[in-house]
Amino acid sequence: MQQGLNSRQFDQAAGYVQIVEDFGQWNQGPFSNGAHYFGSADNPFVDAGMVCGNCIFWEDSGNCQIVSGRIDIQGLCKLWIIPDQSMEV
């Protein structure tokens, strides 16, 4: 896990990792097995730094550790965990 997480974020991240180990990655869709992922064109939070590229699960290969499929670096999903120092608020 990444440095800079508060205790709540650390526990949240550990929980997500355990869920992926038990059930596999979330898909990108909006339903119960989905992460409600959307690409940069639909992300109103880009200027605030709320983007996949700042999330602890982002991989430089354009993938996410917990959401399946190709991921837009400026996209976002409901599972994001972004350290405060990466936010532009």
C-alpha atoms as a PDB file:
ATOM      1  CA  MET A   1       0.000   0.000   0.000  1.00  0.00           C
ATOM      2  CA  GLN A   2       1.030   3.561  -0.614  1.00  0.00           C
ATOM      3  CA  GLN A   3       2.394   5.959   1.947  1.00  0.00           C
ATOM      4  CA  GLY A   4       0.315   8.973   2.866  1.00  0.00           C
ATOM      5  CA  LEU A   5      -2.887   7.106   3.612  1.00  0.00           C
ATOM      6  CA  ASN A   6      -4.766   7.838   6.797  1.00  0.00           C
ATOM      7  CA  SER A   7      -5.965   4.931   8.946  1.00  0.00           C
ATOM      8  CA  ARG A   8      -9.415   4.847   7.359  1.00  0.00           C
ATOM      9  CA  GLN A   9      -7.962   4.767   3.834  1.00  0.00           C
ATOM     10  CA  PHE A  10      -5.456   2.077   4.778  1.00  0.00           C
ATOM     11  CA  ASP A  11      -8.213  -0.176   6.164  1.00  0.00           C
ATOM     12  CA  GLN A  12     -10.421   0.571   3.161  1.00  0.00           C
ATOM     13  CA  ALA A  13      -7.597  -0.376   0.772  1.00  0.00           C
ATOM     14  CA  ALA A  14      -6.853  -3.575   2.685  1.00  0.00           C
ATOM     15  CA  GLY A  15     -10.538  -4.486   2.490  1.00  0.00           C
ATOM     16  CA  TYR A  16     -10.640  -3.908  -1.272  1.00  0.00           C
ATOM     17  CA  VAL A  17      -7.538  -6.043  -1.766  1.00  0.00           C
ATOM     18  CA  GLN A  18      -9.102  -8.851   0.267  1.00  0.00           C
ATOM     19  CA  ILE A  19     -12.329  -8.641  -1.750  1.00  0.00           C
ATOM     20  CA  VAL A  20     -10.348  -8.908  -5.001  1.00  0.00           C
ATOM     21  CA  GLU A  21      -8.460 -11.914  -3.634  1.00  0.00           C
ATOM     22  CA  ASP A  22     -11.756 -13.576  -2.662  1.00  0.00           C
ATOM     23  CA  PHE A  23     -13.961 -12.630  -5.640  1.00  0.00           C
ATOM     24  CA  GLY A  24     -11.779 -11.153  -8.389  1.00  0.00           C
ATOM     25  CA  GLN A  25     -11.667  -7.612  -9.719  1.00  0.00           C
ATOM     26  CA  TRP A  26     -14.717  -5.407 -10.007  1.00  0.00           C
ATOM     27  CA  ASN A  27     -15.897  -4.837 -13.562  1.00  0.00           C
ATOM     28  CA  GLN A  28     -16.304  -1.284 -14.870  1.00  0.00           C
ATOM     29  CA  GLY A  29     -20.104  -1.296 -14.826  1.00  0.00           C
ATOM     30  CA  PRO A  30     -22.632   0.427 -12.557  1.00  0.00           C
ATOM     31  CA  PHE A  31     -24.177  -2.632 -10.882  1.00  0.00           C
ATOM     32  CA  SER A  32     -23.260  -4.535  -7.707  1.00  0.00           C
ATOM     33  CA  ASN A  33     -20.135  -6.161  -9.172  1.00  0.00           C
ATOM     34  CA  GLY A  34     -19.099  -2.942 -10.889  1.00  0.00           C
ATOM     35  CA  ALA A  35     -16.897  -0.022  -9.899  1.00  0.00           C
ATOM     36  CA  HIS A  36     -19.067   2.559 -11.718  1.00  0.00           C
ATOM     37  CA  TYR A  37     -15.981   3.597 -13.682  1.00  0.00           C
ATOM     38  CA  PHE A  38     -16.074   6.493 -16.145  1.00  0.00           C
ATOM     39  CA  GLY A  39     -13.414   7.932 -18.425  1.00  0.00           C
ATOM     40  CA  SER A  40     -11.906  11.414 -18.477  1.00  0.00           C
ATOM     41  CA  ALA A  41     -14.597  12.856 -20.756  1.00  0.00           C
ATOM     42  CA  ASP A  42     -17.168  12.236 -18.000  1.00  0.00           C
ATOM     43  CA  ASN A  43     -14.993  13.086 -14.976  1.00  0.00           C
ATOM     44  CA  PRO A  44     -15.939  16.480 -13.502  1.00  0.00           C
ATOM     45  CA  PHE A  45     -13.272  16.122 -10.778  1.00  0.00           C
ATOM     46  CA  VAL A  46     -10.107  16.173 -12.928  1.00  0.00           C
ATOM     47  CA  ASP A  47      -9.077  19.653 -11.770  1.00  0.00           C
ATOM     48  CA  ALA A  48      -9.328  18.516  -8.138  1.00  0.00           C
ATOM     49  CA  GLY A  49      -6.899  15.650  -8.738  1.00  0.00           C
ATOM     50  CA  MET A  50      -9.607  13.009  -8.338  1.00  0.00           C
ATOM     51  CA  VAL A  51      -8.338  10.801 -11.153  1.00  0.00           C
ATOM     52  CA  CYS A  52      -7.294   7.183 -11.529  1.00  0.00           C
ATOM     53  CA  GLY A  53      -3.687   8.252 -12.006  1.00  0.00           C
ATOM     54  CA  ASN A  54      -3.630   9.526  -8.398  1.00  0.00           C
ATOM     55  CA  CYS A  55      -5.365   6.471  -6.944  1.00  0.00           C
ATOM     56  CA  ILE A  56      -3.225   3.970  -5.032  1.00  0.00           C
ATOM     57  CA  PHE A  57      -4.485   1.153  -7.269  1.00  0.00           C
ATOM     58  CA  TRP A  58      -3.332   2.793 -10.539  1.00  0.00           C
ATOM     59  CA  GLU A  59      -0.704   0.923 -12.537  1.00  0.00           C
ATOM     60  CA  ASP A  60       1.468   2.712 -15.095  1.00  0.00           C
ATOM     61  CA  SER A  61       0.461   0.094 -17.655  1.00  0.00           C
ATOM     62  CA  GLY A  62      -3.013   1.682 -17.816  1.00  0.00           C
ATOM     63  CA  ASN A  63      -4.586  -0.878 -15.556  1.00  0.00           C
ATOM     64  CA  CYS A  64      -6.050  -0.901 -12.081  1.00  0.00           C
ATOM     65  CA  GLN A  65      -5.245  -3.452  -9.406  1.00  0.00           C
ATOM     66  CA  ILE A  66      -8.900  -3.812  -8.421  1.00  0.00           C
ATOM     67  CA  VAL A  67     -10.968  -2.898 -11.533  1.00  0.00           C
ATOM     68  CA  SER A  68     -10.763  -4.945 -14.724  1.00  0.00           C
ATOM     69  CA  GLY A  69     -10.035  -3.613 -18.200  1.00  0.00           C
ATOM     70  CA  ARG A  70      -8.109  -0.654 -19.581  1.00  0.00           C
ATOM     71  CA  ILE A  71      -8.306   2.431 -17.396  1.00  0.00           C
ATOM     72  CA  ASP A  72      -8.049   6.088 -18.451  1.00  0.00           C
ATOM     73  CA  ILE A  73      -5.459   7.889 -16.302  1.00  0.00           C
ATOM     74  CA  GLN A  74      -7.942  10.759 -15.837  1.00  0.00           C
ATOM     75  CA  GLY A  75     -10.953   8.534 -15.326  1.00  0.00           C
ATOM     76  CA  LEU A  76     -12.488   7.737 -11.940  1.00  0.00           C
ATOM     77  CA  CYS A  77     -14.612   5.139 -10.167  1.00  0.00           C
ATOM     78  CA  LYS A  78     -16.446   4.838  -6.870  1.00  0.00           C
ATOM     79  CA  LEU A  79     -13.593   2.802  -5.348  1.00  0.00           C
ATOM     80  CA  TRP A  80     -10.902   5.496  -5.539  1.00  0.00           C
ATOM     81  CA  ILE A  81      -8.442   5.930  -2.703  1.00  0.00           C
ATOM     82  CA  ILE A  82      -6.354   9.038  -3.236  1.00  0.00           C
ATOM     83  CA  PRO A  83      -3.963  10.378  -0.580  1.00  0.00           C
ATOM     84  CA  ASP A  84      -4.768  13.937   0.514  1.00  0.00           C
ATOM     85  CA  GLN A  85      -1.456  15.248  -0.800  1.00  0.00           C
ATOM     86  CA  SER A  86      -2.491  14.218  -4.327  1.00  0.00           C
ATOM     87  CA  MET A  87      -5.684  16.280  -4.201  1.00  0.00           C
ATOM     88  CA  GLU A  88      -5.798  19.806  -5.644  1.00  0.00           C
ATOM     89  CA  VAL A  89      -8.613  21.140  -3.499  1.00  0.00           C
END
